[in-house]
Amino acid sequence: MDRYEKNRKELSELSHEIWAVAQLAPGEGIADGAARIEALLRREIQSLVFNAEGMEKALKDIRSLSSINSAMNPNSFALTVLLADIHHIADTALAKEQPE
């Protein structure tokens, strides 16, 4: 599944969640449904902020590692290994932020 399709699927899932929490039980008013929608959106925003902060940290780690290793290992084999390390750091950081 490509990134576009994944985003589309996640958006569809979120819209279904919003619809579900917006349903009103007998005796509830619009404010009750709106409060549940707000809570759901706050959780989604917090998750996005957490992911962005994690990516920012991973990028700083990558920049730090790449500048040090590039200066010390100027040959193409070493740079290929470095690139693998960079991808591993990024993948690990992103995997830690994926909600379960």
Protein backbone atom coordinates (compact mmCIF):
# COMPACT_ATOMS: atom_id res chain seq x y z
CA MET A 1 0.00 0.00 0.00
CA ASP A 2 1.51 3.34 -1.00
CA ARG A 3 1.54 6.43 1.22
CA TYR A 4 -1.43 8.03 -0.56
CA GLU A 5 -3.58 4.93 -0.14
CA LYS A 6 -2.54 4.60 3.52
CA ASN A 7 -3.46 8.24 4.20
CA ARG A 8 -6.78 7.77 2.44
CA LYS A 9 -7.53 4.69 4.55
CA GLU A 10 -6.58 6.47 7.78
CA LEU A 11 -8.77 9.45 6.88
CA SER A 12 -11.68 7.14 6.17
CA GLU A 13 -11.19 5.39 9.51
CA LEU A 14 -11.07 8.73 11.33
CA SER A 15 -14.25 9.95 9.65
CA HIS A 16 -16.03 6.75 10.74
CA GLU A 17 -14.79 7.26 14.31
CA ILE A 18 -16.07 10.85 14.26
CA TRP A 19 -19.44 9.68 12.99
CA ALA A 20 -19.65 7.04 15.73
CA VAL A 21 -18.84 9.42 18.60
CA ALA A 22 -21.21 12.06 17.20
CA GLN A 23 -24.24 9.80 17.63
CA LEU A 24 -26.45 10.98 20.46
CA ALA A 25 -28.02 8.70 23.04
CA PRO A 26 -31.51 9.49 24.30
CA GLY A 27 -31.37 12.52 26.54
CA GLU A 28 -28.08 13.81 25.17
CA GLY A 29 -27.71 17.15 23.47
CA ILE A 30 -25.46 18.38 20.67
CA ALA A 31 -22.94 19.54 23.27
CA ASP A 32 -22.45 15.92 24.38
CA GLY A 33 -21.66 14.73 20.86
CA ALA A 34 -19.49 17.76 20.20
CA ALA A 35 -17.51 17.08 23.40
CA ARG A 36 -16.81 13.51 22.26
CA ILE A 37 -15.73 14.73 18.82
CA GLU A 38 -13.42 17.29 20.45
CA ALA A 39 -11.85 14.61 22.66
CA LEU A 40 -11.29 12.33 19.65
CA LEU A 41 -9.71 15.13 17.61
CA ARG A 42 -7.50 16.14 20.54
CA ARG A 43 -6.16 12.56 20.75
CA GLU A 44 -5.49 12.57 16.99
CA ILE A 45 -3.68 15.92 17.22
CA GLN A 46 -1.60 14.74 20.16
CA SER A 47 -0.62 11.66 18.18
CA LEU A 48 0.42 13.80 15.20
CA VAL A 49 2.46 16.11 17.44
CA PHE A 50 4.13 13.10 19.07
CA ASN A 51 4.97 11.67 15.63
CA ALA A 52 6.34 15.01 14.43
CA GLU A 53 8.50 15.39 17.54
CA GLY A 54 9.82 11.86 17.06
CA MET A 55 10.63 12.53 13.42
CA GLU A 56 12.38 15.75 14.37
CA LYS A 57 14.52 13.86 16.90
CA ALA A 58 15.29 11.13 14.35
CA LEU A 59 16.29 13.78 11.81
CA LYS A 60 18.64 15.39 14.33
CA ASP A 61 20.14 11.95 15.07
CA ILE A 62 20.53 11.28 11.36
CA ARG A 63 22.15 14.65 10.70
CA SER A 64 24.54 14.16 13.59
CA LEU A 65 25.49 10.64 12.55
CA SER A 66 25.80 11.43 8.86
CA SER A 67 28.07 14.45 9.30
CA ILE A 68 30.40 12.61 11.66
CA ASN A 69 30.56 9.42 9.63
CA SER A 70 30.80 11.16 6.27
CA ALA A 71 33.86 13.06 7.42
CA MET A 72 35.47 9.92 8.79
CA ASN A 73 34.46 7.49 6.00
CA PRO A 74 34.74 9.19 2.61
CA ASN A 75 34.74 5.97 0.52
CA SER A 76 31.61 4.76 -1.27
CA PHE A 77 31.29 1.49 0.67
CA ALA A 78 31.37 3.33 4.00
CA LEU A 79 28.79 5.81 2.74
CA THR A 80 26.52 2.95 1.66
CA VAL A 81 26.77 1.46 5.15
CA LEU A 82 26.06 4.91 6.60
CA LEU A 83 22.96 5.22 4.48
CA ALA A 84 21.74 1.87 5.79
CA ASP A 85 22.34 3.11 9.35
CA ILE A 86 20.41 6.29 8.63
CA HIS A 87 17.46 4.32 7.26
CA HIS A 88 17.56 2.02 10.28
CA ILE A 89 17.48 4.98 12.69
CA ALA A 90 14.58 6.57 10.84
CA ASP A 91 12.63 3.30 10.60
CA THR A 92 13.17 2.59 14.30
CA ALA A 93 12.04 6.09 15.29
CA LEU A 94 8.94 5.88 13.13
CA ALA A 95 8.08 2.39 14.37
CA LYS A 96 8.18 3.60 17.99
CA GLU A 97 5.56 6.23 17.21
CA GLN A 98 3.07 3.98 15.44
CA PRO A 99 -0.07 3.60 17.56
CA GLU A 100 -0.87 0.01 18.42
